[in-house]
Protein backbone atom coordinates (compact mmCIF):
# COMPACT_ATOMS: atom_id res chain seq x y z
CA MET A 1 101.97 114.13 85.86
CA ASN A 2 98.69 114.97 87.64
CA GLU A 3 98.22 118.73 88.01
CA ASN A 4 97.67 118.57 91.78
CA ILE A 5 100.71 116.39 92.29
CA GLY A 6 102.68 118.86 90.19
CA LYS A 7 101.58 121.77 92.40
CA ARG A 8 102.64 119.89 95.51
CA ASN A 9 105.96 118.92 93.93
CA ALA A 10 106.71 122.52 92.95
CA LEU A 11 106.19 123.69 96.53
CA LEU A 12 108.17 120.81 98.03
CA ALA A 13 110.98 121.39 95.55
CA GLN A 14 111.41 124.96 96.79
CA LYS A 15 111.85 123.64 100.31
CA ILE A 16 114.46 121.15 99.09
CA ILE A 17 116.25 123.83 97.06
CA GLY A 18 116.44 125.99 100.18
CA GLY A 19 117.90 123.06 102.08
CA LEU A 20 120.46 122.45 99.36
CA SER A 21 121.46 126.12 99.40
CA SER A 22 122.03 125.97 103.16
CA ARG A 23 124.36 123.02 102.49
CA ASN A 24 126.47 124.85 99.87
CA MET A 25 124.74 123.04 96.99
CA THR A 26 122.59 124.45 94.19
CA GLY A 27 119.12 123.19 93.33
CA TYR A 28 116.83 123.66 90.33
CA TYR A 29 113.25 122.60 89.63
CA ALA A 30 112.11 121.35 86.22
CA GLU A 31 108.42 120.95 85.40
CA ASN A 32 109.12 118.03 83.07
CA ARG A 33 111.86 115.96 81.44
CA ASP A 34 112.38 118.36 78.54
CA GLU A 35 112.95 121.26 80.91
CA ALA A 36 115.29 119.11 83.00
CA LEU A 37 117.34 118.37 79.88
CA ARG A 38 117.57 122.09 79.01
CA VAL A 39 118.70 122.96 82.54
CA ALA A 40 121.26 120.15 82.57
CA LEU A 41 122.79 121.14 79.23
CA SER A 42 123.00 124.77 80.37
CA LEU A 43 125.18 123.61 83.27
CA ILE A 44 127.59 121.60 81.11
CA PRO A 45 129.93 123.80 79.03
CA GLU A 46 130.52 122.59 75.49
CA GLY A 47 133.89 120.91 75.09
CA SER A 48 133.99 119.74 78.70
CA THR A 49 134.77 116.17 79.69
CA VAL A 50 131.67 114.47 81.06
CA THR A 51 131.14 111.03 82.54
CA MET A 52 128.68 109.31 84.82
CA GLY A 53 127.96 106.51 87.21
CA GLY A 54 124.91 104.33 86.87
CA GLY A 55 121.99 106.72 86.63
CA MET A 56 118.70 105.75 85.00
CA SER A 57 117.36 109.28 85.51
CA VAL A 58 120.19 110.73 83.40
CA HIS A 59 119.21 108.42 80.53
CA GLU A 60 115.48 108.97 81.00
CA ILE A 61 115.60 112.74 80.44
CA GLY A 62 117.71 112.18 77.32
CA LEU A 63 120.86 113.75 78.74
CA SER A 64 123.32 110.97 77.95
CA ALA A 65 122.01 110.75 74.37
CA ALA A 66 122.33 114.52 73.91
CA LEU A 67 125.90 114.51 75.18
CA LYS A 68 126.89 111.70 72.82
CA GLN A 69 125.53 113.65 69.86
CA GLY A 70 126.82 117.09 70.84
CA SER A 71 130.18 118.79 71.21
CA TRP A 72 131.15 117.33 74.56
CA ASN A 73 133.83 114.78 75.42
CA PHE A 74 131.41 112.23 76.85
CA ILE A 75 133.10 109.17 78.30
CA ASP A 76 130.51 106.44 77.84
CA ARG A 77 131.36 103.67 80.27
CA ASP A 78 128.99 101.30 78.48
CA GLY A 79 130.78 101.92 75.19
CA ILE A 80 134.33 101.32 76.45
CA GLU A 81 135.86 97.87 76.79
CA ASP A 82 138.17 98.92 79.63
CA LYS A 83 135.55 99.68 82.30
CA ARG A 84 138.16 100.39 84.95
CA ALA A 85 139.80 103.07 82.81
CA ALA A 86 136.41 104.68 82.23
CA MET A 87 135.67 104.67 85.95
CA LEU A 88 139.06 106.17 86.81
CA ALA A 89 138.56 108.90 84.22
CA ALA A 90 135.59 110.13 86.23
CA TYR A 91 137.84 111.50 88.97
CA ASP A 92 139.43 114.01 86.60
CA ALA A 93 136.26 114.88 84.67
CA ASP A 94 134.85 118.37 84.38
CA VAL A 95 131.34 117.10 85.07
CA PHE A 96 130.11 113.88 86.69
CA LEU A 97 126.45 112.91 86.20
CA SER A 98 124.43 110.86 88.64
CA GLY A 99 120.98 110.03 89.84
CA ALA A 100 120.23 109.72 93.55
CA ASN A 101 118.74 106.88 95.53
CA ALA A 102 116.99 109.40 97.76
CA ILE A 103 116.97 113.05 98.82
CA THR A 104 115.55 114.47 102.02
CA GLU A 105 113.18 117.40 102.26
CA ASP A 106 116.01 119.47 103.73
CA GLY A 107 118.47 118.70 100.95
CA ILE A 108 120.55 115.70 102.05
CA LEU A 109 121.44 113.19 99.32
CA VAL A 110 121.65 109.45 100.03
CA ASN A 111 123.33 106.97 97.69
CA ILE A 112 124.25 103.29 97.89
CA ASP A 113 126.86 101.67 95.65
CA GLY A 114 128.32 98.27 94.94
CA ASN A 115 131.63 99.06 93.23
CA ALA A 116 131.86 102.51 94.90
CA ASN A 117 132.88 104.23 91.65
CA ARG A 118 129.73 106.38 91.76
CA VAL A 119 129.75 107.38 95.43
CA SER A 120 133.50 108.00 95.43
CA ALA A 121 133.24 110.36 92.44
CA ILE A 122 130.34 112.18 94.11
CA ALA A 123 132.44 112.65 97.23
CA GLN A 124 135.68 113.80 95.58
CA GLY A 125 137.36 114.24 92.21
CA PRO A 126 135.24 115.71 89.40
CA LYS A 127 135.06 119.51 89.24
CA LYS A 128 131.26 119.49 89.10
CA VAL A 129 128.67 116.88 90.10
CA LEU A 130 125.23 117.12 88.49
CA PHE A 131 122.36 115.10 89.92
CA VAL A 132 119.09 114.43 88.08
CA VAL A 133 116.47 113.50 90.68
CA GLY A 134 112.80 112.69 90.17
CA MET A 135 110.44 113.89 92.88
CA ASN A 136 109.63 110.24 93.58
CA LYS A 137 113.01 110.07 95.36
CA VAL A 138 112.06 112.57 98.11
CA ALA A 139 112.04 111.26 101.68
CA SER A 140 111.15 113.09 104.88
CA ASP A 141 114.50 112.58 106.65
CA VAL A 142 117.79 110.69 106.46
CA ASP A 143 116.44 107.52 108.08
CA SER A 144 113.57 107.43 105.59
CA ALA A 145 115.98 108.15 102.75
CA VAL A 146 118.25 105.26 103.72
CA LYS A 147 115.22 102.96 104.02
CA ARG A 148 114.09 104.03 100.57
CA ALA A 149 117.53 103.36 99.12
CA ARG A 150 117.72 99.91 100.70
CA ASN A 151 114.13 98.77 100.23
CA VAL A 152 113.15 100.36 96.93
CA ALA A 153 116.23 101.25 94.85
CA ALA A 154 118.48 98.34 95.81
CA PRO A 155 116.01 95.48 95.20
CA ILE A 156 114.96 96.90 91.83
CA ASN A 157 118.56 97.40 90.75
CA ALA A 158 119.49 93.91 91.92
CA GLN A 159 116.66 92.52 89.80
CA ARG A 160 117.67 94.74 86.86
CA PHE A 161 121.23 93.40 86.96
CA GLY A 162 120.08 89.79 87.41
CA LEU A 163 121.82 89.43 90.75
CA SER A 164 121.24 86.63 93.21
CA THR A 165 120.49 88.60 96.37
CA PRO A 166 117.77 88.04 98.96
CA CYS A 167 116.23 91.42 98.08
CA ALA A 168 115.97 90.43 94.41
CA ARG A 169 113.85 87.48 95.52
CA THR A 170 111.80 89.16 98.27
CA GLY A 171 111.57 92.77 97.07
CA SER A 172 112.93 94.25 100.30
CA CYS A 173 116.25 94.56 102.08
CA MET A 174 117.36 91.54 104.10
CA ASN A 175 120.59 93.20 105.33
CA CYS A 176 122.50 90.51 103.49
CA LYS A 177 126.19 89.80 103.02
CA SER A 178 125.63 88.07 99.70
CA PRO A 179 128.58 88.09 97.26
CA ASP A 180 126.18 89.81 94.85
CA THR A 181 125.16 92.58 97.24
CA ILE A 182 125.15 96.09 95.81
CA CYS A 183 124.78 97.69 99.25
CA CYS A 184 128.52 97.92 99.90
CA GLN A 185 129.07 101.65 100.29
CA PHE A 186 126.64 104.22 101.73
CA LEU A 187 127.20 107.92 101.03
CA ILE A 188 125.27 110.65 102.82
CA THR A 189 126.00 114.05 101.27
CA ARG A 190 124.92 116.63 103.83
CA TYR A 191 127.22 119.52 102.85
CA SER A 192 129.59 120.51 100.05
CA LYS A 193 132.95 121.99 101.01
CA HIS A 194 133.31 123.46 97.54
CA PRO A 195 130.82 126.14 96.39
CA GLY A 196 129.43 125.53 92.91
CA ARG A 197 130.46 121.87 92.78
CA ILE A 198 127.20 120.02 93.47
CA HIS A 199 124.07 120.81 91.44
CA VAL A 200 120.73 119.02 91.81
CA ILE A 201 117.94 119.15 89.22
CA LEU A 202 114.63 118.13 90.78
CA VAL A 203 112.23 116.89 88.13
CA ASN A 204 108.43 116.82 88.35
CA ASP A 205 108.30 113.22 87.19
CA VAL A 206 108.91 109.64 88.28
CA LEU A 207 112.50 108.91 87.31
CA GLY A 208 114.73 105.94 88.04
CA PHE A 209 114.20 103.78 91.06
């Protein structure tokens, strides 16, 4: 990461962390992926049950690999034949891991989902939700965050999954009702009712989509 970009990210992250705090959520800033991994593991007690939704950022900092190798009960959805059982287990997990499609400068998280297993677990169920968010996901406000989720994250994910959606072909949201659409559920997390439940690690790197 360019040094000047890093300086800007560090300052912007403090603003976001302040916004998260005002919304009953806790934020952290990591200078790189290794630091993000250390922070994440410090927030996940050994022996706890951990699961996740789709989150490239979680994989990219090496968190999912570390959990598989360590002394955690990591429910790996990709490694279980019964996907529905794995998804349902998330609601009773100690820790749920996720990336974010976007986060605003004042600490509001925006996520879009197809099956809704990810956004529903973020909203309610797991005792703790831990986000790993690259600074590339920062948007100025909620409208910009939703536009980012629909026009950047969704088309890339549709292409990644090999889906036949207009955005996969054009690279931008067409507000479709395609059977393959992954823009089924929108979750805007602007406040947490439960102190200590939602934690957000902001990473000085380009992570996920």
